Structure formats: structure tokens, C-alpha cells
Amino acid sequence: MSSIITITELRTMQVGDLRKEIRSQQTSVQKMRVQITMNTEKDTAKYRREKRQLARMMTVLTEKAREGKEGGKGKEETLKQKPKAVKVSARKTSKKSA
């Protein structure tokens, strides 16, 4: 996706369409990152613009998910929440010999 969509257009999109756009934007950003690393892409400013657009899209998706929770919208319009990671301590306990 090379054209920049305005924030108002993003907010009017359906959640499913927005997710599709996010996926395509993610692949675009990943390809550009590889191209820049391999020195085939010279325009690093374009990479920054695409990354910012991806961040905007993800922000709007999060806003829609919060509206869905607070506004009582259906499940199809809310984000599936990922389970929170559990922090596990990797400390070793030493046994003292008597």
C-alpha cells in the first residue's frame, strides 16, 4: 500500500477492512526494511512514512476495540485480546549443606 490514508478515513473503516490494511502495511514495511538493509532502496524517508502509517492504523484499531468494550458493540468489532505474559523468575535457589 503506497498511498497514505488519512486518519478520518481510517476511523470510518470497518474493523475487518482495517485489519486487512494493517496486514498489507506490515508486509510492505518488512519488505522495505529488507530492501534498505540490502541497499536496493535508497528512500529511507518513505520507510519512515510507511511505519508511521502502520502505527496510525494500529492506533485506530485499538480505539475501535476500546469503543467496542465500552459501547457494548458486538464481538466481531472488538479486538481479540492476547493473554498477558506471565513473568517467571529464573533465580536459582542454593541449597546449604548442614
N, C-alpha and C. Protein backbone atom coordinates (compact mmCIF):
# COMPACT_ATOMS: atom_id res chain seq x y z
N MET A 1 0.85 -1.17 0.00
CA MET A 1 0.00 0.00 0.00
C MET A 1 0.89 1.24 0.00
N SER A 2 0.88 1.96 -1.08
CA SER A 2 1.77 3.11 -1.19
C SER A 2 1.07 4.43 -0.91
N SER A 3 -0.26 4.46 -0.96
CA SER A 3 -0.95 5.72 -0.71
C SER A 3 -1.24 5.87 0.78
N ILE A 4 -1.14 7.07 1.24
CA ILE A 4 -1.38 7.36 2.65
C ILE A 4 -2.87 7.64 2.85
N ILE A 5 -3.46 6.90 3.76
CA ILE A 5 -4.88 7.07 4.08
C ILE A 5 -4.97 8.01 5.28
N THR A 6 -5.87 8.97 5.22
CA THR A 6 -5.99 9.92 6.32
C THR A 6 -6.60 9.24 7.54
N ILE A 7 -6.42 9.86 8.68
CA ILE A 7 -6.90 9.30 9.93
C ILE A 7 -8.43 9.25 9.96
N THR A 8 -9.09 10.21 9.33
CA THR A 8 -10.56 10.19 9.30
C THR A 8 -11.06 9.03 8.45
N GLU A 9 -10.37 8.74 7.35
CA GLU A 9 -10.74 7.59 6.53
C GLU A 9 -10.53 6.29 7.29
N LEU A 10 -9.45 6.23 8.06
CA LEU A 10 -9.19 5.03 8.86
C LEU A 10 -10.27 4.81 9.91
N ARG A 11 -10.71 5.91 10.51
CA ARG A 11 -11.74 5.78 11.57
C ARG A 11 -13.10 5.37 11.02
N THR A 12 -13.36 5.64 9.74
CA THR A 12 -14.64 5.25 9.16
C THR A 12 -14.62 3.83 8.62
N MET A 13 -13.45 3.20 8.54
CA MET A 13 -13.34 1.84 8.01
C MET A 13 -13.91 0.82 8.99
N GLN A 14 -14.38 -0.29 8.45
CA GLN A 14 -14.82 -1.41 9.28
C GLN A 14 -13.59 -2.10 9.86
N VAL A 15 -13.78 -2.80 10.98
CA VAL A 15 -12.66 -3.43 11.68
C VAL A 15 -11.99 -4.48 10.79
N GLY A 16 -12.77 -5.29 10.09
CA GLY A 16 -12.19 -6.32 9.22
C GLY A 16 -11.34 -5.73 8.11
N ASP A 17 -11.85 -4.66 7.49
CA ASP A 17 -11.09 -4.00 6.43
C ASP A 17 -9.81 -3.37 6.99
N LEU A 18 -9.92 -2.82 8.17
CA LEU A 18 -8.77 -2.19 8.81
C LEU A 18 -7.69 -3.24 9.11
N ARG A 19 -8.11 -4.40 9.57
CA ARG A 19 -7.14 -5.47 9.84
C ARG A 19 -6.44 -5.92 8.56
N LYS A 20 -7.18 -6.00 7.44
CA LYS A 20 -6.57 -6.37 6.16
C LYS A 20 -5.54 -5.33 5.74
N GLU A 21 -5.89 -4.07 5.90
CA GLU A 21 -4.95 -2.99 5.55
C GLU A 21 -3.71 -3.05 6.43
N ILE A 22 -3.89 -3.36 7.70
CA ILE A 22 -2.75 -3.45 8.61
C ILE A 22 -1.82 -4.58 8.18
N ARG A 23 -2.40 -5.73 7.83
CA ARG A 23 -1.56 -6.85 7.38
C ARG A 23 -0.77 -6.49 6.12
N SER A 24 -1.42 -5.84 5.17
CA SER A 24 -0.70 -5.47 3.95
C SER A 24 0.36 -4.41 4.24
N GLN A 25 0.06 -3.51 5.15
CA GLN A 25 1.04 -2.47 5.51
C GLN A 25 2.24 -3.10 6.23
N GLN A 26 1.99 -4.10 7.07
CA GLN A 26 3.09 -4.77 7.76
C GLN A 26 4.02 -5.46 6.77
N THR A 27 3.46 -6.13 5.78
CA THR A 27 4.31 -6.79 4.78
C THR A 27 5.09 -5.76 3.96
N SER A 28 4.45 -4.65 3.67
CA SER A 28 5.12 -3.58 2.93
C SER A 28 6.30 -3.02 3.72
N VAL A 29 6.09 -2.78 5.01
CA VAL A 29 7.16 -2.25 5.86
C VAL A 29 8.29 -3.25 5.99
N GLN A 30 7.96 -4.52 6.13
CA GLN A 30 9.00 -5.54 6.24
C GLN A 30 9.84 -5.63 4.96
N LYS A 31 9.18 -5.57 3.81
CA LYS A 31 9.91 -5.62 2.55
C LYS A 31 10.83 -4.42 2.40
N MET A 32 10.33 -3.25 2.77
CA MET A 32 11.14 -2.04 2.67
C MET A 32 12.35 -2.12 3.60
N ARG A 33 12.15 -2.69 4.81
CA ARG A 33 13.25 -2.82 5.75
C ARG A 33 14.36 -3.69 5.15
N VAL A 34 13.97 -4.78 4.52
CA VAL A 34 14.94 -5.67 3.89
C VAL A 34 15.64 -4.96 2.74
N GLN A 35 14.87 -4.23 1.93
CA GLN A 35 15.46 -3.52 0.79
C GLN A 35 16.46 -2.47 1.23
N ILE A 36 16.14 -1.78 2.32
CA ILE A 36 17.05 -0.75 2.83
C ILE A 36 18.32 -1.41 3.36
N THR A 37 18.17 -2.53 4.04
CA THR A 37 19.33 -3.24 4.56
C THR A 37 20.24 -3.73 3.44
N MET A 38 19.63 -4.18 2.35
CA MET A 38 20.40 -4.69 1.21
C MET A 38 20.83 -3.59 0.25
N ASN A 39 20.54 -2.35 0.59
CA ASN A 39 20.89 -1.17 -0.22
C ASN A 39 20.24 -1.17 -1.59
N THR A 40 19.07 -1.77 -1.74
CA THR A 40 18.34 -1.66 -3.00
C THR A 40 17.34 -0.53 -2.95
N GLU A 41 16.92 -0.13 -1.75
CA GLU A 41 16.00 1.00 -1.57
C GLU A 41 16.80 2.16 -0.98
N LYS A 42 16.74 3.30 -1.64
CA LYS A 42 17.50 4.47 -1.20
C LYS A 42 16.66 5.44 -0.37
N ASP A 43 15.35 5.40 -0.55
CA ASP A 43 14.46 6.37 0.09
C ASP A 43 14.07 5.91 1.49
N THR A 44 14.88 6.28 2.48
CA THR A 44 14.58 5.88 3.85
C THR A 44 13.43 6.69 4.44
N ALA A 45 13.17 7.86 3.89
CA ALA A 45 12.05 8.67 4.37
C ALA A 45 10.72 7.99 4.06
N LYS A 46 10.67 7.30 2.94
CA LYS A 46 9.47 6.56 2.58
C LYS A 46 9.20 5.45 3.59
N TYR A 47 10.27 4.80 4.04
CA TYR A 47 10.16 3.76 5.07
C TYR A 47 9.58 4.34 6.35
N ARG A 48 10.05 5.49 6.75
CA ARG A 48 9.53 6.14 7.97
C ARG A 48 8.06 6.49 7.82
N ARG A 49 7.67 7.00 6.65
CA ARG A 49 6.26 7.33 6.41
C ARG A 49 5.37 6.09 6.50
N GLU A 50 5.84 5.00 5.92
CA GLU A 50 5.07 3.76 5.94
C GLU A 50 4.95 3.22 7.36
N LYS A 51 6.02 3.32 8.13
CA LYS A 51 5.97 2.87 9.51
C LYS A 51 5.00 3.70 10.34
N ARG A 52 4.99 4.99 10.12
CA ARG A 52 4.07 5.87 10.84
C ARG A 52 2.63 5.59 10.45
N GLN A 53 2.41 5.30 9.17
CA GLN A 53 1.06 4.96 8.71
C GLN A 53 0.59 3.68 9.40
N LEU A 54 1.48 2.71 9.52
CA LEU A 54 1.14 1.46 10.21
C LEU A 54 0.78 1.74 11.67
N ALA A 55 1.52 2.61 12.30
CA ALA A 55 1.23 2.96 13.69
C ALA A 55 -0.13 3.64 13.80
N ARG A 56 -0.47 4.50 12.85
CA ARG A 56 -1.78 5.14 12.86
C ARG A 56 -2.90 4.11 12.75
N MET A 57 -2.70 3.17 11.83
CA MET A 57 -3.71 2.13 11.64
C MET A 57 -3.92 1.31 12.91
N MET A 58 -2.83 0.95 13.54
CA MET A 58 -2.93 0.15 14.76
C MET A 58 -3.57 0.95 15.90
N THR A 59 -3.32 2.25 15.92
CA THR A 59 -3.93 3.10 16.93
C THR A 59 -5.44 3.16 16.74
N VAL A 60 -5.88 3.32 15.50
CA VAL A 60 -7.32 3.38 15.22
C VAL A 60 -7.98 2.05 15.57
N LEU A 61 -7.29 0.94 15.29
CA LEU A 61 -7.83 -0.37 15.62
C LEU A 61 -7.99 -0.52 17.13
N THR A 62 -7.03 -0.04 17.88
CA THR A 62 -7.12 -0.07 19.34
C THR A 62 -8.25 0.81 19.84
N GLU A 63 -8.42 1.98 19.24
CA GLU A 63 -9.52 2.87 19.61
C GLU A 63 -10.86 2.18 19.37
N LYS A 64 -10.99 1.51 18.24
CA LYS A 64 -12.23 0.81 17.94
C LYS A 64 -12.49 -0.32 18.92
N ALA A 65 -11.43 -0.99 19.35
CA ALA A 65 -11.59 -2.07 20.31
C ALA A 65 -12.07 -1.52 21.65
N ARG A 66 -11.53 -0.40 22.07
CA ARG A 66 -11.96 0.21 23.33
C ARG A 66 -13.40 0.69 23.25
N GLU A 67 -13.77 1.26 22.12
CA GLU A 67 -15.16 1.69 21.93
C GLU A 67 -16.09 0.49 22.02
N GLY A 68 -15.67 -0.62 21.46
CA GLY A 68 -16.47 -1.83 21.47
C GLY A 68 -16.69 -2.34 22.87
N LYS A 69 -15.69 -2.25 23.71
CA LYS A 69 -15.83 -2.71 25.09
C LYS A 69 -16.72 -1.78 25.88
N GLU A 70 -16.53 -0.49 25.72
CA GLU A 70 -17.28 0.48 26.50
C GLU A 70 -18.68 0.70 25.94
N GLY A 71 -18.81 0.67 24.61
CA GLY A 71 -20.08 0.98 23.99
C GLY A 71 -21.01 -0.21 23.86
N GLY A 72 -20.55 -1.41 24.19
CA GLY A 72 -21.39 -2.59 24.11
C GLY A 72 -21.60 -3.09 22.70
N LYS A 73 -20.64 -2.88 21.81
CA LYS A 73 -20.77 -3.36 20.45
C LYS A 73 -20.54 -4.87 20.42
N GLY A 74 -20.83 -5.48 19.28
CA GLY A 74 -20.71 -6.92 19.14
C GLY A 74 -19.26 -7.40 19.17
N LYS A 75 -19.10 -8.71 19.32
CA LYS A 75 -17.77 -9.30 19.40
C LYS A 75 -16.98 -9.12 18.12
N GLU A 76 -17.64 -9.12 16.97
CA GLU A 76 -16.92 -9.02 15.71
C GLU A 76 -16.22 -7.68 15.53
N GLU A 77 -16.60 -6.68 16.29
CA GLU A 77 -15.97 -5.37 16.15
C GLU A 77 -14.91 -5.11 17.19
N THR A 78 -14.69 -6.02 18.09
CA THR A 78 -13.66 -5.82 19.10
C THR A 78 -12.45 -6.65 18.73
N LEU A 79 -11.34 -6.26 19.27
CA LEU A 79 -10.10 -6.99 19.05
C LEU A 79 -10.06 -8.23 19.93
N LYS A 80 -9.45 -9.26 19.43
CA LYS A 80 -9.21 -10.41 20.29
C LYS A 80 -8.01 -10.06 21.15
N GLN A 81 -8.21 -10.11 22.44
CA GLN A 81 -7.14 -9.75 23.36
C GLN A 81 -6.19 -10.92 23.54
N LYS A 82 -4.92 -10.63 23.48
CA LYS A 82 -3.92 -11.65 23.72
C LYS A 82 -3.77 -11.83 25.23
N PRO A 83 -3.55 -13.04 25.67
CA PRO A 83 -3.33 -13.22 27.10
C PRO A 83 -2.04 -12.54 27.53
N LYS A 84 -2.06 -11.99 28.72
CA LYS A 84 -0.87 -11.30 29.21
C LYS A 84 0.20 -12.33 29.55
N ALA A 85 1.42 -11.95 29.28
CA ALA A 85 2.54 -12.84 29.55
C ALA A 85 2.79 -12.89 31.06
N VAL A 86 3.09 -14.06 31.51
CA VAL A 86 3.37 -14.25 32.93
C VAL A 86 4.87 -14.16 33.11
N LYS A 87 5.30 -13.34 34.04
CA LYS A 87 6.71 -13.16 34.29
C LYS A 87 7.17 -14.25 35.25
N VAL A 88 8.15 -15.00 34.80
CA VAL A 88 8.66 -16.10 35.61
C VAL A 88 10.08 -15.76 36.01
N SER A 89 10.37 -15.92 37.27
CA SER A 89 11.69 -15.63 37.76
C SER A 89 12.60 -16.83 37.51
N ALA A 90 13.80 -16.57 37.08
CA ALA A 90 14.74 -17.63 36.76
C ALA A 90 15.83 -17.72 37.82
N ARG A 91 15.50 -17.32 39.03
CA ARG A 91 16.51 -17.38 40.10
C ARG A 91 16.76 -18.81 40.51
N LYS A 92 17.98 -19.10 40.76
CA LYS A 92 18.33 -20.41 41.27
C LYS A 92 18.42 -20.33 42.78
N THR A 93 17.87 -21.32 43.42
CA THR A 93 17.98 -21.35 44.89
C THR A 93 19.15 -22.23 45.26
N SER A 94 19.95 -21.75 46.14
CA SER A 94 21.09 -22.53 46.57
C SER A 94 20.75 -23.32 47.82
N LYS A 95 21.21 -24.53 47.82
CA LYS A 95 20.97 -25.40 48.98
C LYS A 95 22.19 -25.34 49.86
N LYS A 96 21.94 -25.05 51.11
CA LYS A 96 23.05 -25.02 52.05
C LYS A 96 23.19 -26.39 52.67
N SER A 97 24.42 -26.85 52.70
CA SER A 97 24.63 -28.17 53.31
C SER A 97 24.89 -27.99 54.81
N ALA A 98 24.38 -28.92 55.58
CA ALA A 98 24.49 -28.81 57.03
C ALA A 98 25.70 -29.50 57.55
